[in-house]
């Protein structure tokens, strides 16, 4: 029996984001785990509670929440990808925690399968960047929470990083090959138009506004922004040197082609050779700069309130 192809969400989360590089995968998982821990800490989870993880993906946050709700608690895994829900269900079965899990296929802006006022905390990580109706998503988060329930989210603020100036591509100065880089940039901008893409059409101030309009109280937001040149050693003194092969074969998000695929699509063989000859040494000698901004937002649903819609 031939196994069906996984959807693009599952393909990216489980394979394409790492570029087939185990070292890159481990470095990324360390960073993701630190984000997960902060999201869960802001959710203030206690034993016996019901937690909804919206856009659960591979289950990183949801399985972390299971440890906190204990034997009497429940974690609801919600995602638009049935393949990822099946993946999480299989892991839960292996871990013998299936009886404390529920799996719901739903988008963040339509959680109709979740009853109003039925969960103690909502968590989500890097999900709203794929949701056009972000305000509606916040209304849904508010609706499903019990009075006094908590919301804890994490989102990249991509406006801090993109669009890059014409002479920069993926953090590298490409002035001598700017015209070639522009052809590659066009591939990605056709997918993510800067003026309309949900990855780019908001910042941290919008997140605050969405939460306030949904009715949340005690809203807090923390923005972390960094500009740095990568170092060959991480905090654990493990090598994290970028490789050209990893860059070629990895994809920045589930909707993007890999750089290798974009090159095949947009460049002639001669242009691809010229692009590689210029950029490869910059990548492997770590001559680029990383720009990153992320926002943590956490808030509480008002007590004695069934609807939080206001403007």
Protein backbone atom coordinates (compact mmCIF):
# COMPACT_ATOMS: atom_id res chain seq x y z
CA UNK A 1 0.00 0.00 0.00
CA UNK A 2 1.46 3.36 -1.06
CA UNK A 3 1.63 5.95 1.68
CA UNK A 4 -0.09 9.21 0.78
CA UNK A 5 2.06 12.32 0.45
CA UNK A 6 2.02 14.53 3.52
CA UNK A 7 0.56 18.02 3.17
CA UNK A 8 2.95 20.95 2.91
CA UNK A 9 2.55 21.87 6.60
CA UNK A 10 3.71 18.43 7.74
CA UNK A 11 6.44 18.19 5.11
CA UNK A 12 7.92 21.48 6.26
CA UNK A 13 7.66 20.94 10.04
CA UNK A 14 9.01 17.41 9.94
CA UNK A 15 11.58 17.71 7.14
CA UNK A 16 12.07 20.79 4.96
CA UNK A 17 12.82 23.40 7.63
CA UNK A 18 16.00 21.53 8.64
CA UNK A 19 17.39 21.03 5.14
CA UNK A 20 18.27 17.44 6.01
CA UNK A 21 20.99 18.68 8.37
CA UNK A 22 20.88 16.98 11.82
CA UNK A 23 23.16 19.61 13.35
CA UNK A 24 20.93 22.42 12.11
CA UNK A 25 17.91 20.51 13.38
CA UNK A 26 19.35 20.19 16.88
CA UNK A 27 20.30 23.89 17.03
CA UNK A 28 16.81 24.87 15.89
CA UNK A 29 15.14 22.54 18.40
CA UNK A 30 17.12 24.12 21.24
CA UNK A 31 15.84 27.53 20.25
CA UNK A 32 12.28 26.26 19.82
CA UNK A 33 12.39 24.59 23.23
CA UNK A 34 13.37 27.86 24.89
CA UNK A 35 10.45 29.60 23.20
CA UNK A 36 8.11 26.78 24.26
CA UNK A 37 9.15 27.07 27.89
CA UNK A 38 8.42 30.79 27.99
CA UNK A 39 5.04 30.37 26.31
CA UNK A 40 4.06 27.73 28.86
CA UNK A 41 5.35 29.82 31.76
CA UNK A 42 3.22 32.78 30.67
CA UNK A 43 0.17 30.48 30.46
CA UNK A 44 0.47 29.76 34.22
CA UNK A 45 -0.79 26.19 33.85
CA UNK A 46 -1.78 24.21 36.93
CA UNK A 47 -2.61 20.50 37.37
CA UNK A 48 -6.06 19.39 36.28
CA UNK A 49 -6.60 22.19 33.73
CA UNK A 50 -7.67 21.99 30.09
CA UNK A 51 -5.24 23.56 27.64
CA UNK A 52 -5.86 24.33 23.97
CA UNK A 53 -2.77 24.54 21.75
CA UNK A 54 -3.82 26.24 18.52
CA UNK A 55 -1.70 25.29 15.52
CA UNK A 56 -0.05 22.50 17.48
CA UNK A 57 2.18 21.44 14.58
CA UNK A 58 4.48 18.65 15.70
CA UNK A 59 3.24 18.96 19.28
CA UNK A 60 6.17 20.79 20.85
CA UNK A 61 4.04 23.03 23.10
CA UNK A 62 1.13 20.63 23.58
CA UNK A 63 3.31 17.79 24.86
CA UNK A 64 5.07 20.26 27.14
CA UNK A 65 1.67 21.29 28.50
CA UNK A 66 0.81 17.66 29.26
CA UNK A 67 3.56 17.58 31.87
CA UNK A 68 2.00 20.60 33.57
CA UNK A 69 -1.68 19.58 33.57
CA UNK A 70 -0.85 16.22 35.13
CA UNK A 71 -2.90 13.03 35.18
CA UNK A 72 -6.23 14.83 35.67
CA UNK A 73 -5.71 17.46 32.98
CA UNK A 74 -6.45 17.57 29.25
CA UNK A 75 -4.58 19.03 26.29
CA UNK A 76 -6.44 19.77 23.06
CA UNK A 77 -4.22 19.57 19.98
CA UNK A 78 -5.67 21.82 17.26
CA UNK A 79 -4.30 22.26 13.74
CA UNK A 80 -5.43 22.69 10.15
CA UNK A 81 -3.21 19.78 9.08
CA UNK A 82 -4.67 16.32 9.53
CA UNK A 83 -1.22 14.86 8.85
CA UNK A 84 0.24 16.76 11.81
CA UNK A 85 -2.68 15.77 14.05
CA UNK A 86 -2.09 12.13 13.05
CA UNK A 87 1.61 12.56 13.82
CA UNK A 88 0.81 13.95 17.28
CA UNK A 89 -1.75 11.22 17.95
CA UNK A 90 0.86 8.58 17.11
CA UNK A 91 3.37 10.20 19.47
CA UNK A 92 0.75 10.42 22.23
CA UNK A 93 -0.01 6.74 21.80
CA UNK A 94 3.69 5.87 22.05
CA UNK A 95 3.98 7.98 25.21
CA UNK A 96 0.82 6.35 26.63
CA UNK A 97 -0.88 9.72 27.19
CA UNK A 98 -3.63 9.37 24.59
CA UNK A 99 -6.36 9.43 27.25
CA UNK A 100 -5.29 12.98 28.23
CA UNK A 101 -5.32 14.31 24.66
CA UNK A 102 -7.99 15.48 22.24
CA UNK A 103 -7.36 16.22 18.57
CA UNK A 104 -9.32 18.85 16.64
CA UNK A 105 -8.84 19.89 13.04
CA UNK A 106 -9.60 23.61 12.88
CA UNK A 107 -8.08 26.93 11.75
CA UNK A 108 -7.17 29.52 14.36
CA UNK A 109 -9.94 31.87 13.22
CA UNK A 110 -12.70 29.24 13.45
CA UNK A 111 -12.57 27.10 16.58
CA UNK A 112 -16.27 26.14 16.40
CA UNK A 113 -15.45 22.60 17.53
CA UNK A 114 -14.34 24.00 20.90
CA UNK A 115 -17.19 24.95 23.25
CA UNK A 116 -17.37 28.50 24.64
CA UNK A 117 -15.75 28.93 28.04
CA UNK A 118 -14.35 25.41 28.07
CA UNK A 119 -10.55 25.81 28.35
CA UNK A 120 -8.29 27.29 31.01
CA UNK A 121 -5.50 28.44 28.72
CA UNK A 122 -4.84 28.94 25.01
CA UNK A 123 -1.32 28.71 23.64
CA UNK A 124 -0.03 29.27 20.14
CA UNK A 125 3.36 29.73 18.47
CA UNK A 126 4.09 31.13 15.01
CA UNK A 127 0.52 30.53 13.85
CA UNK A 128 -0.97 33.99 13.34
CA UNK A 129 1.67 34.68 10.68
CA UNK A 130 -0.36 32.30 8.46
CA UNK A 131 -3.78 33.70 9.41
CA UNK A 132 -5.24 36.59 7.46
CA UNK A 133 -8.16 37.13 9.87
CA UNK A 134 -6.03 37.74 12.96
CA UNK A 135 -8.64 39.76 14.83
CA UNK A 136 -11.16 36.96 14.40
CA UNK A 137 -8.60 34.50 15.76
CA UNK A 138 -8.26 36.58 18.93
CA UNK A 139 -12.06 36.65 19.28
CA UNK A 140 -12.03 32.86 19.03
CA UNK A 141 -9.30 32.57 21.66
CA UNK A 142 -11.39 34.76 23.96
CA UNK A 143 -14.59 32.82 23.28
CA UNK A 144 -13.24 29.38 24.18
CA UNK A 145 -11.54 30.55 27.40
CA UNK A 146 -13.21 30.35 30.78
CA UNK A 147 -13.52 33.64 32.70
CA UNK A 148 -10.07 34.27 34.11
CA UNK A 149 -8.53 32.00 31.48
CA UNK A 150 -5.12 32.84 30.05
CA UNK A 151 -3.79 33.43 26.56
CA UNK A 152 -0.08 32.98 25.77
CA UNK A 153 1.22 33.46 22.25
CA UNK A 154 4.50 33.88 20.41
CA UNK A 155 4.86 35.42 16.95
CA UNK A 156 7.78 36.44 14.75
CA UNK A 157 7.59 40.11 13.76
CA UNK A 158 8.74 39.76 10.17
CA UNK A 159 8.41 43.45 9.37
CA UNK A 160 11.64 43.86 11.31
CA UNK A 161 13.48 41.66 8.81
CA UNK A 162 11.64 42.01 5.50
CA UNK A 163 11.54 43.26 2.90
CA UNK A 164 15.32 43.43 2.71
CA UNK A 165 16.99 46.26 0.79
CA UNK A 166 17.89 45.41 -2.84
CA UNK A 167 21.59 44.87 -2.08
CA UNK A 168 20.87 42.32 0.69
CA UNK A 169 19.62 38.75 0.27
CA UNK A 170 19.10 36.40 3.23
CA UNK A 171 21.28 38.71 5.30
CA UNK A 172 24.21 38.72 2.86
CA UNK A 173 25.52 41.69 0.86
CA UNK A 174 24.85 40.74 -2.76
CA UNK A 175 25.69 44.09 -4.37
CA UNK A 176 27.87 42.54 -7.15
CA UNK A 177 25.10 40.08 -8.11
CA UNK A 178 22.11 42.26 -7.21
CA UNK A 179 20.26 41.61 -10.49
CA UNK A 180 20.49 37.85 -10.04
CA UNK A 181 19.39 38.09 -6.41
CA UNK A 182 16.41 40.20 -7.53
CA UNK A 183 15.16 37.31 -9.67
CA UNK A 184 15.23 35.02 -6.64
CA UNK A 185 13.62 37.67 -4.43
CA UNK A 186 10.76 37.90 -6.94
CA UNK A 187 10.01 34.20 -6.49
CA UNK A 188 9.43 34.68 -2.77
CA UNK A 189 7.59 38.01 -3.15
CA UNK A 190 5.09 36.41 -5.51
CA UNK A 191 4.18 34.12 -2.59
CA UNK A 192 4.44 36.77 0.13
CA UNK A 193 3.53 40.20 -1.25
CA UNK A 194 4.90 42.64 1.38
CA UNK A 195 1.72 44.71 1.45
CA UNK A 196 -0.72 41.82 1.93
CA UNK A 197 1.00 38.67 3.17
CA UNK A 198 -0.16 37.56 6.64
CA UNK A 199 3.50 36.97 7.46
CA UNK A 200 4.25 40.66 6.98
CA UNK A 201 1.05 42.65 7.50
CA UNK A 202 1.29 43.15 11.28
CA UNK A 203 3.67 44.07 14.07
CA UNK A 204 3.72 43.92 17.87
CA UNK A 205 1.44 46.97 18.19
CA UNK A 206 -1.20 45.18 16.14
CA UNK A 207 -1.03 42.16 18.44
CA UNK A 208 -1.77 44.42 21.41
CA UNK A 209 -4.69 45.99 19.55
CA UNK A 210 -6.13 42.60 18.55
CA UNK A 211 -6.01 41.37 22.15
CA UNK A 212 -7.56 44.54 23.56
CA UNK A 213 -10.37 44.60 21.00
CA UNK A 214 -11.16 40.96 21.75
CA UNK A 215 -11.72 41.92 25.37
CA UNK A 216 -8.63 40.60 27.10
CA UNK A 217 -7.50 42.21 30.35
CA UNK A 218 -4.04 42.50 31.91
CA UNK A 219 -2.37 42.30 28.52
CA UNK A 220 1.41 42.12 28.48
CA UNK A 221 3.77 42.06 25.52
CA UNK A 222 7.51 41.62 25.30
CA UNK A 223 9.42 42.31 22.08
CA UNK A 224 12.89 40.84 21.54
CA UNK A 225 14.86 42.15 18.58
CA UNK A 226 18.42 41.24 17.60
CA UNK A 227 20.85 42.06 14.82
CA UNK A 228 23.97 39.97 14.92
CA UNK A 229 26.63 38.20 12.94
CA UNK A 230 26.42 34.44 13.47
CA UNK A 231 29.10 32.86 15.64
CA UNK A 232 30.70 29.47 14.95
CA UNK A 233 29.87 28.25 18.48
CA UNK A 234 26.51 28.31 20.23
CA UNK A 235 25.92 28.65 23.99
CA UNK A 236 26.69 24.95 24.46
CA UNK A 237 30.02 25.30 22.62
CA UNK A 238 28.67 23.19 19.79
CA UNK A 239 29.47 24.03 16.20
CA UNK A 240 26.63 25.79 14.39
CA UNK A 241 28.51 26.85 11.28
CA UNK A 242 26.18 27.31 8.35
CA UNK A 243 26.73 25.17 5.28
CA UNK A 244 25.83 25.96 1.72
CA UNK A 245 24.06 22.62 1.36
CA UNK A 246 21.81 23.31 4.35
CA UNK A 247 20.89 26.75 3.02
CA UNK A 248 20.10 25.31 -0.40
CA UNK A 249 17.85 22.55 0.89
CA UNK A 250 15.99 24.28 3.73
CA UNK A 251 12.86 26.38 3.51
CA UNK A 252 12.03 29.37 5.70
CA UNK A 253 8.34 28.54 6.07
CA UNK A 254 5.77 25.99 4.82
CA UNK A 255 4.74 28.13 1.85
CA UNK A 256 8.24 28.78 0.49
CA UNK A 257 10.32 26.77 -1.94
CA UNK A 258 13.84 25.93 -0.88
CA UNK A 259 16.58 28.18 -2.21
CA UNK A 260 17.60 25.34 -4.52
CA UNK A 261 14.06 25.12 -5.91
CA UNK A 262 13.85 28.90 -6.34
CA UNK A 263 17.15 28.91 -8.22
CA UNK A 264 15.94 26.18 -10.57
CA UNK A 265 12.76 28.15 -11.17
CA UNK A 266 14.20 31.63 -11.70
CA UNK A 267 17.82 31.37 -12.84
CA UNK A 268 19.58 30.15 -15.93
CA UNK A 269 22.38 27.61 -15.37
CA UNK A 270 24.94 30.38 -15.90
CA UNK A 271 23.20 32.69 -13.39
CA UNK A 272 22.93 29.86 -10.85
CA UNK A 273 26.65 29.18 -11.21
CA UNK A 274 27.48 32.87 -10.77
CA UNK A 275 25.17 33.18 -7.77
CA UNK A 276 26.69 30.12 -6.12
CA UNK A 277 30.27 31.19 -6.79
CA UNK A 278 29.63 34.52 -5.07
CA UNK A 279 27.41 33.51 -2.13
CA UNK A 280 28.83 30.13 -1.11
CA UNK A 281 32.05 31.49 0.44
CA UNK A 282 30.08 34.19 2.30
CA UNK A 283 27.77 31.57 3.78
CA UNK A 284 30.49 29.17 4.86
CA UNK A 285 32.64 31.94 6.37
CA UNK A 286 29.57 33.38 8.13
CA UNK A 287 29.71 36.84 6.55
CA UNK A 288 25.99 37.54 6.80
CA UNK A 289 23.95 39.25 9.49
CA UNK A 290 20.90 37.82 11.19
CA UNK A 291 17.96 40.06 11.97
CA UNK A 292 15.19 38.69 14.15
CA UNK A 293 12.27 40.08 16.13
CA UNK A 294 9.82 38.00 18.14
CA UNK A 295 6.92 38.98 20.38
CA UNK A 296 5.51 37.22 23.42
CA UNK A 297 1.99 38.30 24.37
CA UNK A 298 0.10 37.00 27.37
CA UNK A 299 -3.26 38.11 28.71
CA UNK A 300 -6.29 37.11 30.78
CA UNK A 301 -9.97 36.85 29.93
CA UNK A 302 -12.15 39.11 32.01
CA UNK A 303 -14.12 37.54 34.84
CA UNK A 304 -17.88 37.54 34.50
CA UNK A 305 -17.75 38.24 30.76
CA UNK A 306 -19.13 36.04 28.02
CA UNK A 307 -18.20 38.27 25.10
CA UNK A 308 -15.22 40.53 24.71
CA UNK A 309 -15.97 42.25 21.42
CA UNK A 310 -15.47 45.96 21.58
CA UNK A 311 -13.72 48.64 19.60
